[in-house]
Amino acid sequence: MELQIVIAGLGGEGIILMTKILAEGVFQHGYPVITTETHGMAMRGGSVISQLKIGDFLSPMIRYGHADLLIATSEREVERNLLYLKKGGRTFIDSPSVGPHSIDAKGIAYQLGSPQDANLILLGYVVAKLEGFNARIFEETVVSLSNHRSAELKLEGFRRGVQRGITQTREKEKEDD
């Protein structure tokens, strides 16, 4: 498997944690993985871009037009980073707008009383949409990389994202039949 993924958001939205969980979960599935990150501003609210490559790659940097997936915490981050996406690539976005690859992660996080965990809801959604990955392995990674006090809420958020991804995929399959 070879996959190039760009994760984009703002400082304080948990982009680095998302990357660590995704990388560790992929590694636990037996795939080689390398990552890198770029901080636009070293403060909360500055642009943060993380790049993750799954497969036999030598460099962690993704060239413009080569990313298979763009995971973004907002529509604005999609606009800023769309140039990374290759033709035919997929975008996963945290957005209240209904779309084939969108989830209202922030809305779900607020319902859970844990707005800081929108990133994990988005990540769970993405994991559910990708083929060849077992969400339970990622759940273990969420717990192992979380603060003991917040692990249960983070895990619940991740699971909500997975469930939404599964539900959306099933609905799409029914429409296609």
N, C-alpha and C. Protein backbone atom coordinates (compact mmCIF):
# COMPACT_ATOMS: atom_id res chain seq x y z
N MET A 1 0.85 -1.18 0.00
CA MET A 1 0.00 0.00 0.00
C MET A 1 0.89 1.24 0.00
N GLU A 2 0.55 2.17 -0.85
CA GLU A 2 1.21 3.48 -0.85
C GLU A 2 0.13 4.54 -0.80
N LEU A 3 0.28 5.45 0.15
CA LEU A 3 -0.70 6.51 0.35
C LEU A 3 0.01 7.74 0.88
N GLN A 4 -0.30 8.90 0.30
CA GLN A 4 0.27 10.16 0.76
C GLN A 4 -0.86 11.03 1.29
N ILE A 5 -0.71 11.46 2.54
CA ILE A 5 -1.78 12.16 3.24
C ILE A 5 -1.29 13.50 3.78
N VAL A 6 -2.05 14.56 3.53
CA VAL A 6 -1.80 15.87 4.12
C VAL A 6 -2.91 16.13 5.13
N ILE A 7 -2.52 16.53 6.35
CA ILE A 7 -3.48 16.90 7.39
C ILE A 7 -3.26 18.37 7.68
N ALA A 8 -4.32 19.17 7.56
CA ALA A 8 -4.19 20.62 7.69
C ALA A 8 -5.19 21.18 8.68
N GLY A 9 -4.70 22.13 9.48
CA GLY A 9 -5.56 22.79 10.45
C GLY A 9 -4.84 23.97 11.06
N LEU A 10 -5.32 24.38 12.21
CA LEU A 10 -4.72 25.50 12.92
C LEU A 10 -4.09 25.01 14.21
N GLY A 11 -3.11 25.77 14.70
CA GLY A 11 -2.49 25.45 15.97
C GLY A 11 -3.54 25.35 17.06
N GLY A 12 -3.46 24.32 17.87
CA GLY A 12 -4.43 24.11 18.94
C GLY A 12 -5.56 23.17 18.55
N GLU A 13 -5.63 22.77 17.27
CA GLU A 13 -6.70 21.87 16.83
C GLU A 13 -6.29 20.40 16.89
N GLY A 14 -5.09 20.11 17.32
CA GLY A 14 -4.67 18.72 17.49
C GLY A 14 -4.18 18.03 16.23
N ILE A 15 -3.64 18.78 15.30
CA ILE A 15 -3.13 18.21 14.05
C ILE A 15 -1.98 17.24 14.33
N ILE A 16 -1.08 17.61 15.22
CA ILE A 16 0.07 16.75 15.52
C ILE A 16 -0.40 15.47 16.20
N LEU A 17 -1.35 15.56 17.12
CA LEU A 17 -1.88 14.36 17.76
C LEU A 17 -2.56 13.46 16.73
N MET A 18 -3.33 14.03 15.83
CA MET A 18 -3.97 13.24 14.76
C MET A 18 -2.92 12.49 13.97
N THR A 19 -1.84 13.18 13.64
CA THR A 19 -0.78 12.57 12.85
C THR A 19 -0.12 11.42 13.61
N LYS A 20 0.16 11.64 14.89
CA LYS A 20 0.78 10.59 15.71
C LYS A 20 -0.11 9.36 15.79
N ILE A 21 -1.41 9.57 16.01
CA ILE A 21 -2.34 8.44 16.11
C ILE A 21 -2.45 7.72 14.78
N LEU A 22 -2.58 8.47 13.69
CA LEU A 22 -2.68 7.86 12.38
C LEU A 22 -1.41 7.08 12.04
N ALA A 23 -0.25 7.68 12.28
CA ALA A 23 1.02 7.02 11.98
C ALA A 23 1.19 5.75 12.80
N GLU A 24 0.92 5.82 14.09
CA GLU A 24 1.09 4.64 14.95
C GLU A 24 0.10 3.55 14.57
N GLY A 25 -1.14 3.91 14.29
CA GLY A 25 -2.14 2.91 13.88
C GLY A 25 -1.76 2.23 12.58
N VAL A 26 -1.28 3.01 11.62
CA VAL A 26 -0.83 2.45 10.34
C VAL A 26 0.36 1.52 10.58
N PHE A 27 1.30 1.95 11.40
CA PHE A 27 2.48 1.13 11.73
C PHE A 27 2.05 -0.19 12.38
N GLN A 28 1.06 -0.13 13.28
CA GLN A 28 0.56 -1.34 13.94
C GLN A 28 -0.11 -2.30 12.95
N HIS A 29 -0.54 -1.79 11.83
CA HIS A 29 -1.09 -2.63 10.76
C HIS A 29 0.02 -3.27 9.92
N GLY A 30 1.27 -2.90 10.19
CA GLY A 30 2.40 -3.51 9.49
C GLY A 30 2.92 -2.74 8.29
N TYR A 31 2.49 -1.50 8.13
CA TYR A 31 2.95 -0.70 7.00
C TYR A 31 4.05 0.26 7.42
N PRO A 32 5.03 0.48 6.55
CA PRO A 32 6.02 1.52 6.85
C PRO A 32 5.36 2.89 6.73
N VAL A 33 5.75 3.81 7.61
CA VAL A 33 5.14 5.14 7.61
C VAL A 33 6.18 6.17 8.02
N ILE A 34 6.16 7.32 7.36
CA ILE A 34 7.02 8.45 7.75
C ILE A 34 6.17 9.71 7.78
N THR A 35 6.54 10.64 8.66
CA THR A 35 5.77 11.87 8.82
C THR A 35 6.68 13.09 8.91
N THR A 36 6.08 14.23 8.67
CA THR A 36 6.73 15.51 8.91
C THR A 36 5.63 16.54 9.17
N GLU A 37 6.00 17.65 9.75
CA GLU A 37 5.01 18.70 10.02
C GLU A 37 5.62 20.07 9.79
N THR A 38 4.74 21.01 9.46
CA THR A 38 5.14 22.39 9.24
C THR A 38 4.23 23.28 10.07
N HIS A 39 4.82 24.17 10.83
CA HIS A 39 4.05 25.11 11.64
C HIS A 39 4.17 26.49 11.00
N GLY A 40 3.05 27.03 10.51
CA GLY A 40 3.07 28.35 9.91
C GLY A 40 3.40 29.42 10.92
N MET A 41 2.87 29.27 12.12
CA MET A 41 3.16 30.19 13.22
C MET A 41 3.27 29.33 14.47
N ALA A 42 4.23 29.62 15.29
CA ALA A 42 4.43 28.82 16.50
C ALA A 42 3.53 29.30 17.62
N MET A 43 2.23 29.35 17.33
CA MET A 43 1.28 29.77 18.35
C MET A 43 -0.10 29.22 18.01
N ARG A 44 -0.96 29.22 18.99
CA ARG A 44 -2.33 28.75 18.77
C ARG A 44 -2.97 29.62 17.69
N GLY A 45 -3.58 28.97 16.71
CA GLY A 45 -4.26 29.68 15.65
C GLY A 45 -3.45 29.81 14.37
N GLY A 46 -2.15 29.50 14.42
CA GLY A 46 -1.33 29.53 13.21
C GLY A 46 -1.55 28.25 12.40
N SER A 47 -1.24 28.31 11.14
CA SER A 47 -1.43 27.17 10.25
C SER A 47 -0.48 26.03 10.61
N VAL A 48 -1.01 24.81 10.64
CA VAL A 48 -0.21 23.62 10.89
C VAL A 48 -0.54 22.61 9.79
N ILE A 49 0.50 22.13 9.13
CA ILE A 49 0.34 21.12 8.09
C ILE A 49 1.21 19.94 8.46
N SER A 50 0.62 18.77 8.41
CA SER A 50 1.34 17.55 8.69
C SER A 50 1.25 16.66 7.46
N GLN A 51 2.33 15.98 7.16
CA GLN A 51 2.35 15.10 6.00
C GLN A 51 2.73 13.70 6.46
N LEU A 52 2.04 12.72 5.91
CA LEU A 52 2.23 11.34 6.30
C LEU A 52 2.27 10.49 5.04
N LYS A 53 3.28 9.66 4.94
CA LYS A 53 3.38 8.76 3.79
C LYS A 53 3.37 7.33 4.29
N ILE A 54 2.53 6.52 3.67
CA ILE A 54 2.43 5.11 3.98
C ILE A 54 3.02 4.35 2.80
N GLY A 55 4.00 3.50 3.08
CA GLY A 55 4.63 2.74 2.01
C GLY A 55 6.12 2.99 1.98
N ASP A 56 6.74 2.54 0.91
CA ASP A 56 8.19 2.63 0.78
C ASP A 56 8.61 3.95 0.15
N PHE A 57 8.61 4.98 0.96
CA PHE A 57 9.03 6.31 0.52
C PHE A 57 10.33 6.67 1.22
N LEU A 58 11.13 7.50 0.59
CA LEU A 58 12.40 7.93 1.18
C LEU A 58 12.27 9.27 1.90
N SER A 59 11.43 10.15 1.38
CA SER A 59 11.27 11.48 1.95
C SER A 59 9.86 11.66 2.50
N PRO A 60 9.73 12.33 3.65
CA PRO A 60 8.39 12.55 4.21
C PRO A 60 7.62 13.69 3.54
N MET A 61 8.29 14.51 2.76
CA MET A 61 7.64 15.67 2.14
C MET A 61 6.78 15.25 0.94
N ILE A 62 5.59 15.83 0.87
CA ILE A 62 4.68 15.56 -0.24
C ILE A 62 4.72 16.76 -1.19
N ARG A 63 4.98 16.47 -2.45
CA ARG A 63 5.02 17.54 -3.45
C ARG A 63 3.60 17.94 -3.86
N TYR A 64 3.46 19.18 -4.29
CA TYR A 64 2.16 19.64 -4.78
C TYR A 64 1.66 18.69 -5.87
N GLY A 65 0.36 18.39 -5.79
CA GLY A 65 -0.25 17.54 -6.79
C GLY A 65 -0.03 16.05 -6.60
N HIS A 66 0.47 15.64 -5.43
CA HIS A 66 0.77 14.23 -5.20
C HIS A 66 0.03 13.58 -4.03
N ALA A 67 -0.68 14.34 -3.24
CA ALA A 67 -1.38 13.77 -2.07
C ALA A 67 -2.62 12.99 -2.51
N ASP A 68 -2.77 11.80 -1.96
CA ASP A 68 -3.96 11.00 -2.22
C ASP A 68 -5.14 11.49 -1.38
N LEU A 69 -4.82 11.98 -0.17
CA LEU A 69 -5.84 12.45 0.76
C LEU A 69 -5.45 13.78 1.36
N LEU A 70 -6.45 14.63 1.53
CA LEU A 70 -6.29 15.88 2.27
C LEU A 70 -7.33 15.84 3.38
N ILE A 71 -6.85 15.86 4.62
CA ILE A 71 -7.73 15.88 5.79
C ILE A 71 -7.64 17.28 6.36
N ALA A 72 -8.77 17.98 6.45
CA ALA A 72 -8.75 19.38 6.87
C ALA A 72 -9.78 19.65 7.95
N THR A 73 -9.41 20.51 8.89
CA THR A 73 -10.30 20.85 10.00
C THR A 73 -11.30 21.94 9.65
N SER A 74 -11.21 22.49 8.44
CA SER A 74 -12.18 23.49 8.00
C SER A 74 -12.11 23.64 6.48
N GLU A 75 -13.14 24.27 5.93
CA GLU A 75 -13.15 24.53 4.49
C GLU A 75 -12.02 25.47 4.10
N ARG A 76 -11.69 26.40 4.97
CA ARG A 76 -10.60 27.33 4.69
C ARG A 76 -9.27 26.58 4.54
N GLU A 77 -9.07 25.57 5.39
CA GLU A 77 -7.83 24.78 5.29
C GLU A 77 -7.79 23.95 4.02
N VAL A 78 -8.94 23.54 3.53
CA VAL A 78 -8.98 22.86 2.23
C VAL A 78 -8.51 23.82 1.16
N GLU A 79 -9.05 25.03 1.16
CA GLU A 79 -8.66 26.03 0.16
C GLU A 79 -7.17 26.31 0.20
N ARG A 80 -6.62 26.44 1.40
CA ARG A 80 -5.19 26.74 1.55
C ARG A 80 -4.29 25.61 1.05
N ASN A 81 -4.76 24.38 1.14
CA ASN A 81 -3.88 23.23 0.90
C ASN A 81 -4.30 22.34 -0.25
N LEU A 82 -5.28 22.76 -1.01
CA LEU A 82 -5.79 21.96 -2.12
C LEU A 82 -4.71 21.66 -3.16
N LEU A 83 -3.74 22.52 -3.28
CA LEU A 83 -2.70 22.32 -4.29
C LEU A 83 -1.86 21.07 -4.02
N TYR A 84 -1.92 20.52 -2.81
CA TYR A 84 -1.22 19.26 -2.53
C TYR A 84 -1.93 18.06 -3.14
N LEU A 85 -3.24 18.16 -3.30
CA LEU A 85 -4.05 17.03 -3.72
C LEU A 85 -3.84 16.69 -5.19
N LYS A 86 -3.67 15.42 -5.46
CA LYS A 86 -3.52 15.00 -6.85
C LYS A 86 -4.89 14.90 -7.51
N LYS A 87 -4.91 14.87 -8.81
CA LYS A 87 -6.16 14.71 -9.54
C LYS A 87 -6.76 13.36 -9.15
N GLY A 88 -8.02 13.38 -8.74
CA GLY A 88 -8.67 12.16 -8.29
C GLY A 88 -8.47 11.87 -6.81
N GLY A 89 -7.72 12.73 -6.11
CA GLY A 89 -7.52 12.56 -4.67
C GLY A 89 -8.79 12.90 -3.91
N ARG A 90 -8.84 12.48 -2.64
CA ARG A 90 -10.03 12.72 -1.82
C ARG A 90 -9.74 13.71 -0.70
N THR A 91 -10.76 14.49 -0.39
CA THR A 91 -10.68 15.45 0.70
C THR A 91 -11.66 15.04 1.79
N PHE A 92 -11.18 14.98 3.03
CA PHE A 92 -12.02 14.74 4.19
C PHE A 92 -12.01 16.01 5.02
N ILE A 93 -13.20 16.48 5.39
CA ILE A 93 -13.28 17.80 6.01
C ILE A 93 -14.23 17.83 7.19
N ASP A 94 -13.85 18.60 8.20
CA ASP A 94 -14.73 18.91 9.32
C ASP A 94 -15.57 20.10 8.88
N SER A 95 -16.83 19.82 8.57
CA SER A 95 -17.71 20.88 8.07
C SER A 95 -19.16 20.53 8.40
N PRO A 96 -19.96 21.54 8.78
CA PRO A 96 -21.38 21.27 9.00
C PRO A 96 -22.13 21.04 7.68
N SER A 97 -21.51 21.37 6.56
CA SER A 97 -22.13 21.14 5.25
C SER A 97 -22.15 19.64 4.95
N VAL A 98 -23.24 19.18 4.39
CA VAL A 98 -23.37 17.77 4.06
C VAL A 98 -22.61 17.49 2.77
N GLY A 99 -21.80 16.45 2.80
CA GLY A 99 -21.04 16.06 1.62
C GLY A 99 -20.57 14.63 1.76
N PRO A 100 -20.09 14.04 0.65
CA PRO A 100 -19.68 12.63 0.69
C PRO A 100 -18.46 12.36 1.57
N HIS A 101 -17.68 13.38 1.85
CA HIS A 101 -16.48 13.19 2.67
C HIS A 101 -16.39 14.26 3.76
N SER A 102 -17.55 14.63 4.30
CA SER A 102 -17.52 15.64 5.37
C SER A 102 -18.28 15.14 6.59
N ILE A 103 -17.86 15.64 7.73
CA ILE A 103 -18.49 15.32 9.01
C ILE A 103 -18.48 16.58 9.85
N ASP A 104 -19.54 16.81 10.57
CA ASP A 104 -19.59 17.96 11.47
C ASP A 104 -18.93 17.57 12.80
N ALA A 105 -17.63 17.41 12.75
CA ALA A 105 -16.88 16.95 13.93
C ALA A 105 -16.98 17.94 15.08
N LYS A 106 -16.90 19.22 14.78
CA LYS A 106 -17.01 20.22 15.86
C LYS A 106 -18.39 20.16 16.52
N GLY A 107 -19.43 19.99 15.72
CA GLY A 107 -20.78 19.88 16.26
C GLY A 107 -20.94 18.67 17.15
N ILE A 108 -20.41 17.54 16.72
CA ILE A 108 -20.47 16.31 17.52
C ILE A 108 -19.67 16.48 18.80
N ALA A 109 -18.50 17.10 18.68
CA ALA A 109 -17.64 17.32 19.86
C ALA A 109 -18.35 18.18 20.90
N TYR A 110 -19.05 19.21 20.46
CA TYR A 110 -19.81 20.05 21.40
C TYR A 110 -20.92 19.25 22.06
N GLN A 111 -21.59 18.39 21.30
CA GLN A 111 -22.63 17.54 21.88
C GLN A 111 -22.06 16.62 22.96
N LEU A 112 -20.84 16.16 22.75
CA LEU A 112 -20.18 15.29 23.73
C LEU A 112 -19.66 16.08 24.93
N GLY A 113 -19.65 17.41 24.81
CA GLY A 113 -19.10 18.24 25.87
C GLY A 113 -17.59 18.27 25.86
N SER A 114 -17.01 17.99 24.70
CA SER A 114 -15.56 17.91 24.57
C SER A 114 -15.11 18.54 23.24
N PRO A 115 -15.29 19.87 23.10
CA PRO A 115 -15.00 20.52 21.82
C PRO A 115 -13.56 20.35 21.33
N GLN A 116 -12.63 20.14 22.25
CA GLN A 116 -11.23 19.98 21.85
C GLN A 116 -10.98 18.64 21.14
N ASP A 117 -11.96 17.74 21.14
CA ASP A 117 -11.76 16.43 20.53
C ASP A 117 -12.36 16.30 19.14
N ALA A 118 -12.68 17.42 18.50
CA ALA A 118 -13.20 17.38 17.13
C ALA A 118 -12.19 16.71 16.20
N ASN A 119 -10.91 16.90 16.47
CA ASN A 119 -9.87 16.29 15.64
C ASN A 119 -9.97 14.77 15.63
N LEU A 120 -10.27 14.18 16.79
CA LEU A 120 -10.35 12.72 16.86
C LEU A 120 -11.63 12.19 16.23
N ILE A 121 -12.68 12.99 16.25
CA ILE A 121 -13.91 12.61 15.55
C ILE A 121 -13.64 12.59 14.05
N LEU A 122 -12.97 13.61 13.55
CA LEU A 122 -12.59 13.66 12.14
C LEU A 122 -11.69 12.48 11.79
N LEU A 123 -10.72 12.18 12.63
CA LEU A 123 -9.80 11.07 12.37
C LEU A 123 -10.54 9.74 12.34
N GLY A 124 -11.45 9.52 13.28
CA GLY A 124 -12.24 8.29 13.29
C GLY A 124 -13.05 8.14 12.01
N TYR A 125 -13.60 9.24 11.56
CA TYR A 125 -14.37 9.27 10.31
C TYR A 125 -13.49 8.84 9.13
N VAL A 126 -12.29 9.39 9.07
CA VAL A 126 -11.36 9.06 7.98
C VAL A 126 -10.97 7.59 8.04
N VAL A 127 -10.63 7.09 9.22
CA VAL A 127 -10.24 5.69 9.37
C VAL A 127 -11.36 4.77 8.88
N ALA A 128 -12.61 5.11 9.18
CA ALA A 128 -13.74 4.29 8.73
C ALA A 128 -13.89 4.30 7.22
N LYS A 129 -13.48 5.38 6.59
CA LYS A 129 -13.63 5.52 5.14
C LYS A 129 -12.50 4.86 4.35
N LEU A 130 -11.38 4.60 5.01
CA LEU A 130 -10.24 3.99 4.33
C LEU A 130 -10.34 2.47 4.40
N GLU A 131 -10.01 1.82 3.32
CA GLU A 131 -10.05 0.36 3.29
C GLU A 131 -8.76 -0.23 3.84
N GLY A 132 -8.89 -1.38 4.47
CA GLY A 132 -7.71 -2.11 4.92
C GLY A 132 -7.25 -1.80 6.32
N PHE A 133 -8.02 -1.01 7.06
CA PHE A 133 -7.61 -0.66 8.42
C PHE A 133 -8.69 -1.08 9.42
N ASN A 134 -8.24 -1.59 10.56
CA ASN A 134 -9.12 -1.99 11.65
C ASN A 134 -9.19 -0.85 12.66
N ALA A 135 -10.37 -0.30 12.85
CA ALA A 135 -10.53 0.85 13.75
C ALA A 135 -10.12 0.52 15.18
N ARG A 136 -10.25 -0.73 15.60
CA ARG A 136 -9.89 -1.11 16.98
C ARG A 136 -8.40 -0.89 17.26
N ILE A 137 -7.58 -1.10 16.28
CA ILE A 137 -6.15 -0.86 16.47
C ILE A 137 -5.91 0.63 16.70
N PHE A 138 -6.62 1.46 15.97
CA PHE A 138 -6.49 2.91 16.17
C PHE A 138 -7.05 3.32 17.53
N GLU A 139 -8.10 2.65 17.99
CA GLU A 139 -8.66 2.94 19.31
C GLU A 139 -7.60 2.73 20.39
N GLU A 140 -6.86 1.64 20.30
CA GLU A 140 -5.79 1.37 21.26
C GLU A 140 -4.75 2.49 21.24
N THR A 141 -4.46 2.98 20.05
CA THR A 141 -3.49 4.07 19.90
C THR A 141 -4.03 5.36 20.50
N VAL A 142 -5.31 5.64 20.30
CA VAL A 142 -5.93 6.83 20.91
C VAL A 142 -5.74 6.79 22.42
N VAL A 143 -6.02 5.65 23.02
CA VAL A 143 -5.89 5.52 24.48
C VAL A 143 -4.44 5.65 24.92
N SER A 144 -3.53 4.98 24.21
CA SER A 144 -2.12 4.99 24.63
C SER A 144 -1.48 6.37 24.49
N LEU A 145 -1.95 7.19 23.56
CA LEU A 145 -1.36 8.51 23.35
C LEU A 145 -2.13 9.64 24.05
N SER A 146 -3.16 9.28 24.80
CA SER A 146 -3.97 10.28 25.49
C SER A 146 -3.62 10.36 26.97
N ASN A 147 -3.85 11.52 27.53
CA ASN A 147 -3.76 11.71 28.97
C ASN A 147 -4.78 10.79 29.62
N HIS A 148 -4.41 10.13 30.70
CA HIS A 148 -5.29 9.17 31.37
C HIS A 148 -6.67 9.75 31.65
N ARG A 149 -6.72 10.99 32.10
CA ARG A 149 -8.00 11.62 32.46
C ARG A 149 -8.89 11.89 31.25
N SER A 150 -8.28 12.12 30.09
CA SER A 150 -9.08 12.48 28.92
C SER A 150 -9.24 11.32 27.93
N ALA A 151 -8.64 10.18 28.21
CA ALA A 151 -8.64 9.07 27.26
C ALA A 151 -10.05 8.60 26.90
N GLU A 152 -10.93 8.49 27.88
CA GLU A 152 -12.28 7.98 27.62
C GLU A 152 -13.07 8.91 26.70
N LEU A 153 -12.98 10.23 26.93
CA LEU A 153 -13.67 11.18 26.05
C LEU A 153 -13.09 11.16 24.64
N LYS A 154 -11.77 11.09 24.55
CA LYS A 154 -11.13 11.04 23.24
C LYS A 154 -11.54 9.78 22.48
N LEU A 155 -11.58 8.67 23.20
CA LEU A 155 -11.98 7.41 22.59
C LEU A 155 -13.44 7.47 22.12
N GLU A 156 -14.30 8.05 22.93
CA GLU A 156 -15.71 8.20 22.55
C GLU A 156 -15.84 9.06 21.29
N GLY A 157 -15.09 10.14 21.22
CA GLY A 157 -15.11 10.98 20.03
C GLY A 157 -14.64 10.23 18.79
N PHE A 158 -13.54 9.51 18.92
CA PHE A 158 -13.01 8.72 17.81
C PHE A 158 -14.07 7.73 17.33
N ARG A 159 -14.70 7.04 18.28
CA ARG A 159 -15.72 6.04 17.93
C ARG A 159 -16.93 6.68 17.23
N ARG A 160 -17.30 7.87 17.65
CA ARG A 160 -18.42 8.58 16.99
C ARG A 160 -18.06 8.87 15.54
N GLY A 161 -16.82 9.27 15.31
CA GLY A 161 -16.38 9.52 13.94
C GLY A 161 -16.40 8.26 13.09
N VAL A 162 -15.91 7.16 13.66
CA VAL A 162 -15.92 5.88 12.96
C VAL A 162 -17.36 5.50 12.60
N GLN A 163 -18.25 5.61 13.58
CA GLN A 163 -19.65 5.24 13.34
C GLN A 163 -20.27 6.09 12.24
N ARG A 164 -19.99 7.38 12.24
CA ARG A 164 -20.54 8.26 11.19
C ARG A 164 -19.99 7.87 9.83
N GLY A 165 -18.71 7.53 9.77
CA GLY A 165 -18.11 7.11 8.50
C GLY A 165 -18.73 5.82 7.98
N ILE A 166 -18.96 4.86 8.87
CA ILE A 166 -19.58 3.59 8.48
C ILE A 166 -21.01 3.83 8.00
N THR A 167 -21.76 4.62 8.76
CA THR A 167 -23.15 4.91 8.40
C THR A 167 -23.23 5.60 7.05
N GLN A 168 -22.37 6.58 6.84
CA GLN A 168 -22.38 7.32 5.57
C GLN A 168 -22.04 6.41 4.40
N THR A 169 -21.08 5.51 4.60
CA THR A 169 -20.69 4.57 3.54
C THR A 169 -21.85 3.64 3.20
N ARG A 170 -22.53 3.13 4.21
CA ARG A 170 -23.69 2.24 3.98
C ARG A 170 -24.81 2.97 3.24
N GLU A 171 -25.07 4.22 3.62
CA GLU A 171 -26.10 5.01 2.94
C GLU A 171 -25.75 5.20 1.47
N LYS A 172 -24.49 5.46 1.21
CA LYS A 172 -24.02 5.65 -0.17
C LYS A 172 -24.19 4.36 -0.98
N GLU A 173 -23.86 3.23 -0.35
CA GLU A 173 -24.00 1.94 -1.04
C GLU A 173 -25.46 1.65 -1.38
N LYS A 174 -26.38 2.00 -0.48
CA LYS A 174 -27.81 1.81 -0.74
C LYS A 174 -28.27 2.67 -1.91
N GLU A 175 -27.77 3.91 -1.98
CA GLU A 175 -28.12 4.81 -3.08
C GLU A 175 -27.63 4.26 -4.41
N ASP A 176 -26.46 3.64 -4.39
CA ASP A 176 -25.86 3.12 -5.62
C ASP A 176 -26.54 1.85 -6.12
N ASP A 177 -27.27 1.15 -5.23
CA ASP A 177 -27.94 -0.10 -5.63
C ASP A 177 -29.17 0.14 -6.46
